[in-house]
Amino acid sequence: MMNKENNWKEFSDDVSGMSKKIKSNLTNEENIEDLKASLKATREAISNSFGDLIQIVENTVKDEEIKEDALNIVSSLKDEVSNFVDTAKDKVSEVVNFIVTEEE
């Protein structure tokens, strides 16, 4: 029985140590800047892809009603995905700020 308790204690200590390492790594300024840059690049890539899709629709669809509907759908999707990325960026910032505050 004691051996199981010791194993759980060691496991708990290992998890706690790993948690501290992750927190300290997350608050490393360089990693935070990399994450921000990655999210910005993701948003820009998404915007460019939707821009390309809009150009394709405008250049290939001949029926004006279908073209207008397709462009509205693409525009809505672009806004939704951009909002999702912005929300993700905000949540990551909140977590990082919480961890930094918690360490201070």
C-alpha atoms as a PDB file:
ATOM      1  CA  MET A   1       0.000   0.000   0.000  1.00  0.00           C
ATOM      2  CA  MET A   2       2.823   2.406   0.887  1.00  0.00           C
ATOM      3  CA  ASN A   3       4.436   1.763  -2.473  1.00  0.00           C
ATOM      4  CA  LYS A   4       1.266   2.903  -4.314  1.00  0.00           C
ATOM      5  CA  GLU A   5       1.115   6.059  -2.191  1.00  0.00           C
ATOM      6  CA  ASN A   6       4.765   6.799  -2.934  1.00  0.00           C
ATOM      7  CA  ASN A   7       4.155   6.245  -6.649  1.00  0.00           C
ATOM      8  CA  TRP A   8       1.194   8.671  -6.606  1.00  0.00           C
ATOM      9  CA  LYS A   9       3.265  11.217  -4.677  1.00  0.00           C
ATOM     10  CA  GLU A  10       6.088  10.938  -7.197  1.00  0.00           C
ATOM     11  CA  PHE A  11       3.599  11.209 -10.053  1.00  0.00           C
ATOM     12  CA  SER A  12       2.033  14.280  -8.465  1.00  0.00           C
ATOM     13  CA  ASP A  13       5.448  15.851  -7.938  1.00  0.00           C
ATOM     14  CA  ASP A  14       6.391  15.129 -11.559  1.00  0.00           C
ATOM     15  CA  VAL A  15       3.177  16.727 -12.835  1.00  0.00           C
ATOM     16  CA  SER A  16       3.711  19.745 -10.606  1.00  0.00           C
ATOM     17  CA  GLY A  17       7.268  20.139 -11.852  1.00  0.00           C
ATOM     18  CA  MET A  18       6.188  19.849 -15.459  1.00  0.00           C
ATOM     19  CA  SER A  19       3.458  22.431 -14.873  1.00  0.00           C
ATOM     20  CA  LYS A  20       6.009  24.882 -13.485  1.00  0.00           C
ATOM     21  CA  LYS A  21       8.294  24.314 -16.473  1.00  0.00           C
ATOM     22  CA  ILE A  22       5.442  24.929 -18.909  1.00  0.00           C
ATOM     23  CA  LYS A  23       4.421  28.110 -17.102  1.00  0.00           C
ATOM     24  CA  SER A  24       7.963  29.456 -17.066  1.00  0.00           C
ATOM     25  CA  ASN A  25       8.384  28.552 -20.723  1.00  0.00           C
ATOM     26  CA  LEU A  26       5.078  30.233 -21.644  1.00  0.00           C
ATOM     27  CA  THR A  27       6.071  33.443 -19.954  1.00  0.00           C
ATOM     28  CA  ASN A  28       9.384  33.560 -21.753  1.00  0.00           C
ATOM     29  CA  GLU A  29       9.097  36.820 -23.694  1.00  0.00           C
ATOM     30  CA  GLU A  30      10.578  35.327 -26.856  1.00  0.00           C
ATOM     31  CA  ASN A  31       7.971  32.539 -26.921  1.00  0.00           C
ATOM     32  CA  ILE A  32       5.167  35.033 -26.365  1.00  0.00           C
ATOM     33  CA  GLU A  33       6.397  37.182 -29.233  1.00  0.00           C
ATOM     34  CA  ASP A  34       6.675  34.092 -31.457  1.00  0.00           C
ATOM     35  CA  LEU A  35       3.106  33.147 -30.620  1.00  0.00           C
ATOM     36  CA  LYS A  36       1.831  36.662 -31.372  1.00  0.00           C
ATOM     37  CA  ALA A  37       3.695  36.698 -34.681  1.00  0.00           C
ATOM     38  CA  SER A  38       2.308  33.281 -35.564  1.00  0.00           C
ATOM     39  CA  LEU A  39      -1.270  34.349 -34.862  1.00  0.00           C
ATOM     40  CA  LYS A  40      -0.782  37.513 -36.905  1.00  0.00           C
ATOM     41  CA  ALA A  41       0.671  35.506 -39.806  1.00  0.00           C
ATOM     42  CA  THR A  42      -2.237  33.059 -39.587  1.00  0.00           C
ATOM     43  CA  ARG A  43      -4.761  35.883 -39.768  1.00  0.00           C
ATOM     44  CA  GLU A  44      -2.969  37.444 -42.743  1.00  0.00           C
ATOM     45  CA  ALA A  45      -2.782  34.091 -44.576  1.00  0.00           C
ATOM     46  CA  ILE A  46      -6.492  33.522 -44.016  1.00  0.00           C
ATOM     47  CA  SER A  47      -7.290  37.013 -45.257  1.00  0.00           C
ATOM     48  CA  ASN A  48      -5.144  36.493 -48.370  1.00  0.00           C
ATOM     49  CA  SER A  49      -6.773  33.130 -49.088  1.00  0.00           C
ATOM     50  CA  PHE A  50     -10.242  34.609 -48.865  1.00  0.00           C
ATOM     51  CA  GLY A  51      -9.108  37.521 -51.036  1.00  0.00           C
ATOM     52  CA  ASP A  52      -7.945  35.025 -53.654  1.00  0.00           C
ATOM     53  CA  LEU A  53     -11.264  33.183 -53.407  1.00  0.00           C
ATOM     54  CA  ILE A  54     -13.154  36.449 -53.917  1.00  0.00           C
ATOM     55  CA  GLN A  55     -11.088  37.164 -57.040  1.00  0.00           C
ATOM     56  CA  ILE A  56     -11.804  33.680 -58.392  1.00  0.00           C
ATOM     57  CA  VAL A  57     -15.548  34.119 -57.848  1.00  0.00           C
ATOM     58  CA  GLU A  58     -15.534  37.576 -59.425  1.00  0.00           C
ATOM     59  CA  ASN A  59     -13.548  36.393 -62.462  1.00  0.00           C
ATOM     60  CA  THR A  60     -15.283  33.083 -63.129  1.00  0.00           C
ATOM     61  CA  VAL A  61     -18.944  33.308 -62.103  1.00  0.00           C
ATOM     62  CA  LYS A  62     -20.996  34.907 -64.872  1.00  0.00           C
ATOM     63  CA  ASP A  63     -24.469  34.924 -63.299  1.00  0.00           C
ATOM     64  CA  GLU A  64     -24.653  38.165 -61.283  1.00  0.00           C
ATOM     65  CA  GLU A  65     -27.137  36.822 -58.722  1.00  0.00           C
ATOM     66  CA  ILE A  66     -25.045  33.723 -58.028  1.00  0.00           C
ATOM     67  CA  LYS A  67     -21.881  35.830 -57.951  1.00  0.00           C
ATOM     68  CA  GLU A  68     -23.396  38.213 -55.400  1.00  0.00           C
ATOM     69  CA  ASP A  69     -24.598  35.332 -53.204  1.00  0.00           C
ATOM     70  CA  ALA A  70     -21.233  33.586 -53.402  1.00  0.00           C
ATOM     71  CA  LEU A  71     -19.354  36.782 -52.551  1.00  0.00           C
ATOM     72  CA  ASN A  72     -21.633  37.390 -49.565  1.00  0.00           C
ATOM     73  CA  ILE A  73     -20.992  33.863 -48.316  1.00  0.00           C
ATOM     74  CA  VAL A  74     -17.225  34.165 -48.778  1.00  0.00           C
ATOM     75  CA  SER A  75     -17.230  37.546 -47.050  1.00  0.00           C
ATOM     76  CA  SER A  76     -19.208  36.164 -44.110  1.00  0.00           C
ATOM     77  CA  LEU A  77     -16.866  33.190 -43.812  1.00  0.00           C
ATOM     78  CA  LYS A  78     -13.848  35.491 -43.927  1.00  0.00           C
ATOM     79  CA  ASP A  79     -15.304  37.610 -41.106  1.00  0.00           C
ATOM     80  CA  GLU A  80     -16.142  34.530 -39.011  1.00  0.00           C
ATOM     81  CA  VAL A  81     -12.694  32.986 -39.378  1.00  0.00           C
ATOM     82  CA  SER A  82     -10.973  36.319 -38.687  1.00  0.00           C
ATOM     83  CA  ASN A  83     -13.089  36.797 -35.570  1.00  0.00           C
ATOM     84  CA  PHE A  84     -12.231  33.262 -34.447  1.00  0.00           C
ATOM     85  CA  VAL A  85      -8.484  33.930 -34.821  1.00  0.00           C
ATOM     86  CA  ASP A  86      -8.834  37.260 -32.994  1.00  0.00           C
ATOM     87  CA  THR A  87     -10.735  35.560 -30.171  1.00  0.00           C
ATOM     88  CA  ALA A  88      -8.065  32.865 -29.939  1.00  0.00           C
ATOM     89  CA  LYS A  89      -5.369  35.550 -29.811  1.00  0.00           C
ATOM     90  CA  ASP A  90      -7.238  37.366 -27.035  1.00  0.00           C
ATOM     91  CA  LYS A  91      -7.664  34.163 -25.019  1.00  0.00           C
ATOM     92  CA  VAL A  92      -3.973  33.316 -25.366  1.00  0.00           C
ATOM     93  CA  SER A  93      -3.105  36.840 -24.212  1.00  0.00           C
ATOM     94  CA  GLU A  94      -5.416  36.454 -21.205  1.00  0.00           C
ATOM     95  CA  VAL A  95      -3.798  33.137 -20.240  1.00  0.00           C
ATOM     96  CA  VAL A  96      -0.281  34.526 -20.636  1.00  0.00           C
ATOM     97  CA  ASN A  97      -1.178  37.637 -18.620  1.00  0.00           C
ATOM     98  CA  PHE A  98      -2.763  35.444 -15.927  1.00  0.00           C
ATOM     99  CA  ILE A  99       0.358  33.268 -15.715  1.00  0.00           C
ATOM    100  CA  VAL A 100       2.646  36.310 -15.557  1.00  0.00           C
ATOM    101  CA  THR A 101       0.458  37.897 -12.850  1.00  0.00           C
ATOM    102  CA  GLU A 102       0.355  34.614 -10.944  1.00  0.00           C
ATOM    103  CA  GLU A 103       4.167  34.419 -10.929  1.00  0.00           C
ATOM    104  CA  GLU A 104       4.611  37.983  -9.666  1.00  0.00           C
END
